[in-house]
Amino acid sequence: KNQTLLTKKKNKILRIHQDLVVKTKSHQKLVLGSGGKTLERIRSTAVRDLEDAFGCVVDLNMNVRVSKLNQDVTLETDIEGAKT
């Protein structure tokens, strides 16, 4: 189940909560990168693109987890959106 939650507030902040579901723990490690740097680079690039597209401040929260279909254990990592 992959879900995106979009909330646009009156003060023009778009908050997005996105799950990135991968098949294996090794895929999760690749997406996260060393110290979460790869995921942060993905997130920051996406924030810039979304802000250009929607014309407002974007707060993007991304979770990377292993699919329950392939793993019994679900792992999650939260990267909080940048505060502007």
N, C-alpha and C. Protein backbone atom coordinates (compact mmCIF):
# COMPACT_ATOMS: atom_id res chain seq x y z
N LYS A 1 0.86 -1.18 0.00
CA LYS A 1 0.00 0.00 0.00
C LYS A 1 0.89 1.22 0.00
N ASN A 2 0.84 1.98 -1.04
CA ASN A 2 1.63 3.20 -1.15
C ASN A 2 0.67 4.38 -1.10
N GLN A 3 0.92 5.28 -0.18
CA GLN A 3 -0.03 6.36 0.02
C GLN A 3 0.70 7.69 0.06
N THR A 4 0.13 8.68 -0.60
CA THR A 4 0.63 10.04 -0.53
C THR A 4 -0.45 10.89 0.09
N LEU A 5 -0.10 11.63 1.11
CA LEU A 5 -1.04 12.53 1.76
C LEU A 5 -0.62 13.95 1.45
N LEU A 6 -1.50 14.71 0.82
CA LEU A 6 -1.23 16.11 0.47
C LEU A 6 -2.13 17.00 1.30
N THR A 7 -1.54 17.99 1.93
CA THR A 7 -2.31 18.95 2.70
C THR A 7 -1.81 20.34 2.34
N LYS A 8 -2.70 21.19 1.86
CA LYS A 8 -2.32 22.57 1.54
C LYS A 8 -3.03 23.48 2.53
N LYS A 9 -2.24 24.17 3.33
CA LYS A 9 -2.77 25.05 4.37
C LYS A 9 -3.03 26.43 3.82
N LYS A 10 -3.74 27.24 4.59
CA LYS A 10 -4.06 28.61 4.19
C LYS A 10 -2.81 29.45 3.97
N ASN A 11 -1.76 29.18 4.74
CA ASN A 11 -0.53 29.96 4.62
C ASN A 11 0.37 29.42 3.50
N LYS A 12 -0.22 28.63 2.61
CA LYS A 12 0.45 28.14 1.41
C LYS A 12 1.66 27.27 1.70
N ILE A 13 1.51 26.34 2.61
CA ILE A 13 2.53 25.31 2.83
C ILE A 13 1.90 23.98 2.42
N LEU A 14 2.55 23.29 1.50
CA LEU A 14 2.08 21.99 1.05
C LEU A 14 2.86 20.93 1.82
N ARG A 15 2.16 20.12 2.60
CA ARG A 15 2.80 19.06 3.37
C ARG A 15 2.51 17.73 2.69
N ILE A 16 3.57 16.99 2.39
CA ILE A 16 3.44 15.70 1.70
C ILE A 16 4.11 14.63 2.56
N HIS A 17 3.39 13.55 2.80
CA HIS A 17 3.93 12.38 3.50
C HIS A 17 3.93 11.23 2.50
N GLN A 18 5.12 10.75 2.15
CA GLN A 18 5.25 9.74 1.10
C GLN A 18 6.02 8.53 1.61
N ASP A 19 5.45 7.34 1.41
CA ASP A 19 6.14 6.09 1.70
C ASP A 19 6.84 5.62 0.44
N LEU A 20 8.13 5.31 0.55
CA LEU A 20 8.87 4.67 -0.52
C LEU A 20 9.02 3.21 -0.12
N VAL A 21 8.37 2.31 -0.83
CA VAL A 21 8.37 0.90 -0.47
C VAL A 21 9.33 0.17 -1.39
N VAL A 22 10.29 -0.53 -0.77
CA VAL A 22 11.29 -1.29 -1.51
C VAL A 22 11.14 -2.77 -1.18
N LYS A 23 11.74 -3.63 -2.02
CA LYS A 23 11.56 -5.07 -1.86
C LYS A 23 12.45 -5.69 -0.79
N THR A 24 13.67 -5.19 -0.63
CA THR A 24 14.61 -5.83 0.29
C THR A 24 15.31 -4.79 1.16
N LYS A 25 15.93 -5.29 2.23
CA LYS A 25 16.70 -4.41 3.11
C LYS A 25 17.88 -3.79 2.36
N SER A 26 18.45 -4.55 1.42
CA SER A 26 19.58 -4.00 0.66
C SER A 26 19.12 -2.85 -0.24
N HIS A 27 17.90 -2.94 -0.79
CA HIS A 27 17.36 -1.82 -1.57
C HIS A 27 17.15 -0.61 -0.66
N GLN A 28 16.68 -0.86 0.54
CA GLN A 28 16.46 0.22 1.50
C GLN A 28 17.78 0.94 1.79
N LYS A 29 18.83 0.18 1.98
CA LYS A 29 20.15 0.77 2.25
C LYS A 29 20.63 1.61 1.07
N LEU A 30 20.35 1.14 -0.16
CA LEU A 30 20.74 1.92 -1.35
C LEU A 30 19.99 3.24 -1.43
N VAL A 31 18.69 3.21 -1.16
CA VAL A 31 17.89 4.43 -1.22
C VAL A 31 18.32 5.40 -0.13
N LEU A 32 18.59 4.89 1.06
CA LEU A 32 19.00 5.75 2.17
C LEU A 32 20.38 6.34 1.94
N GLY A 33 21.30 5.53 1.50
CA GLY A 33 22.68 5.98 1.34
C GLY A 33 23.35 6.14 2.69
N SER A 34 24.60 6.49 2.68
CA SER A 34 25.38 6.66 3.90
C SER A 34 24.83 7.81 4.74
N GLY A 35 24.37 7.49 5.93
CA GLY A 35 23.83 8.52 6.82
C GLY A 35 22.57 9.19 6.30
N GLY A 36 21.86 8.54 5.37
CA GLY A 36 20.64 9.12 4.82
C GLY A 36 20.88 10.18 3.76
N LYS A 37 22.13 10.30 3.30
CA LYS A 37 22.47 11.37 2.35
C LYS A 37 21.79 11.21 0.99
N THR A 38 21.66 9.99 0.51
CA THR A 38 21.03 9.77 -0.79
C THR A 38 19.55 10.15 -0.73
N LEU A 39 18.86 9.70 0.32
CA LEU A 39 17.45 10.03 0.47
C LEU A 39 17.27 11.54 0.64
N GLU A 40 18.15 12.18 1.37
CA GLU A 40 18.05 13.63 1.56
C GLU A 40 18.24 14.36 0.24
N ARG A 41 19.15 13.87 -0.61
CA ARG A 41 19.36 14.48 -1.92
C ARG A 41 18.11 14.31 -2.79
N ILE A 42 17.50 13.13 -2.75
CA ILE A 42 16.25 12.88 -3.48
C ILE A 42 15.17 13.83 -2.98
N ARG A 43 15.06 13.93 -1.65
CA ARG A 43 14.02 14.77 -1.03
C ARG A 43 14.21 16.24 -1.40
N SER A 44 15.43 16.75 -1.30
CA SER A 44 15.66 18.17 -1.57
C SER A 44 15.43 18.51 -3.04
N THR A 45 15.78 17.61 -3.95
CA THR A 45 15.51 17.83 -5.37
C THR A 45 14.00 17.83 -5.63
N ALA A 46 13.30 16.88 -5.01
CA ALA A 46 11.85 16.81 -5.16
C ALA A 46 11.17 18.06 -4.60
N VAL A 47 11.65 18.55 -3.46
CA VAL A 47 11.08 19.76 -2.85
C VAL A 47 11.21 20.94 -3.80
N ARG A 48 12.37 21.13 -4.39
CA ARG A 48 12.57 22.24 -5.34
C ARG A 48 11.62 22.12 -6.52
N ASP A 49 11.51 20.92 -7.09
CA ASP A 49 10.62 20.71 -8.24
C ASP A 49 9.16 20.94 -7.87
N LEU A 50 8.74 20.45 -6.70
CA LEU A 50 7.36 20.62 -6.25
C LEU A 50 7.04 22.08 -5.96
N GLU A 51 7.99 22.79 -5.34
CA GLU A 51 7.77 24.22 -5.07
C GLU A 51 7.61 25.00 -6.36
N ASP A 52 8.40 24.66 -7.38
CA ASP A 52 8.27 25.32 -8.68
C ASP A 52 6.91 25.00 -9.31
N ALA A 53 6.48 23.75 -9.20
CA ALA A 53 5.22 23.32 -9.82
C ALA A 53 4.00 23.91 -9.13
N PHE A 54 4.01 23.94 -7.78
CA PHE A 54 2.84 24.38 -7.03
C PHE A 54 2.89 25.84 -6.61
N GLY A 55 4.06 26.45 -6.69
CA GLY A 55 4.19 27.86 -6.34
C GLY A 55 3.99 28.15 -4.87
N CYS A 56 4.39 27.22 -4.01
CA CYS A 56 4.28 27.44 -2.57
C CYS A 56 5.39 26.65 -1.87
N VAL A 57 5.53 26.87 -0.57
CA VAL A 57 6.52 26.15 0.23
C VAL A 57 6.06 24.71 0.39
N VAL A 58 6.99 23.77 0.25
CA VAL A 58 6.67 22.34 0.36
C VAL A 58 7.43 21.75 1.54
N ASP A 59 6.71 21.00 2.38
CA ASP A 59 7.30 20.24 3.48
C ASP A 59 7.12 18.77 3.13
N LEU A 60 8.19 18.11 2.72
CA LEU A 60 8.13 16.73 2.23
C LEU A 60 8.72 15.79 3.26
N ASN A 61 7.91 14.83 3.70
CA ASN A 61 8.34 13.79 4.63
C ASN A 61 8.35 12.48 3.88
N MET A 62 9.51 11.82 3.83
CA MET A 62 9.63 10.56 3.10
C MET A 62 10.01 9.45 4.05
N ASN A 63 9.32 8.32 3.94
CA ASN A 63 9.62 7.13 4.72
C ASN A 63 10.04 6.02 3.77
N VAL A 64 11.13 5.34 4.08
CA VAL A 64 11.57 4.20 3.28
C VAL A 64 11.32 2.96 4.12
N ARG A 65 10.57 2.02 3.54
CA ARG A 65 10.31 0.80 4.28
C ARG A 65 10.37 -0.40 3.34
N VAL A 66 10.63 -1.55 3.93
CA VAL A 66 10.69 -2.79 3.19
C VAL A 66 9.27 -3.34 3.07
N SER A 67 8.90 -3.79 1.89
CA SER A 67 7.57 -4.32 1.63
C SER A 67 7.27 -5.50 2.54
N LYS A 68 6.08 -5.52 3.12
CA LYS A 68 5.67 -6.63 3.97
C LYS A 68 5.47 -7.90 3.16
N LEU A 69 5.28 -7.76 1.86
CA LEU A 69 5.10 -8.93 1.01
C LEU A 69 6.39 -9.75 0.90
N ASN A 70 7.54 -9.07 1.04
CA ASN A 70 8.82 -9.74 0.90
C ASN A 70 9.56 -9.91 2.22
N GLN A 71 9.18 -9.17 3.24
CA GLN A 71 9.87 -9.21 4.53
C GLN A 71 8.85 -9.25 5.65
N ASP A 72 9.17 -9.95 6.70
CA ASP A 72 8.29 -9.96 7.87
C ASP A 72 8.45 -8.69 8.69
N VAL A 73 9.61 -8.05 8.60
CA VAL A 73 9.89 -6.86 9.40
C VAL A 73 9.83 -5.63 8.51
N THR A 74 9.13 -4.60 8.98
CA THR A 74 9.06 -3.34 8.26
C THR A 74 10.03 -2.36 8.92
N LEU A 75 10.90 -1.78 8.12
CA LEU A 75 11.85 -0.80 8.62
C LEU A 75 11.45 0.56 8.10
N GLU A 76 11.47 1.57 8.95
CA GLU A 76 11.11 2.93 8.52
C GLU A 76 12.20 3.90 8.92
N THR A 77 12.42 4.87 8.05
CA THR A 77 13.35 5.96 8.33
C THR A 77 12.65 7.24 7.96
N ASP A 78 12.61 8.18 8.88
CA ASP A 78 11.96 9.47 8.63
C ASP A 78 12.99 10.53 8.34
N ILE A 79 12.74 11.30 7.32
CA ILE A 79 13.52 12.49 7.02
C ILE A 79 12.53 13.64 7.10
N GLU A 80 12.72 14.53 8.07
CA GLU A 80 11.80 15.65 8.24
C GLU A 80 12.04 16.69 7.17
N GLY A 81 10.97 17.33 6.72
CA GLY A 81 11.06 18.38 5.71
C GLY A 81 11.82 19.58 6.27
N ALA A 82 12.42 20.31 5.39
CA ALA A 82 13.19 21.48 5.79
C ALA A 82 12.25 22.54 6.35
N LYS A 83 12.68 23.19 7.38
CA LYS A 83 11.89 24.29 7.98
C LYS A 83 12.30 25.58 7.33
N THR A 84 11.34 26.27 6.75
CA THR A 84 11.65 27.55 6.10
C THR A 84 10.89 28.66 6.74
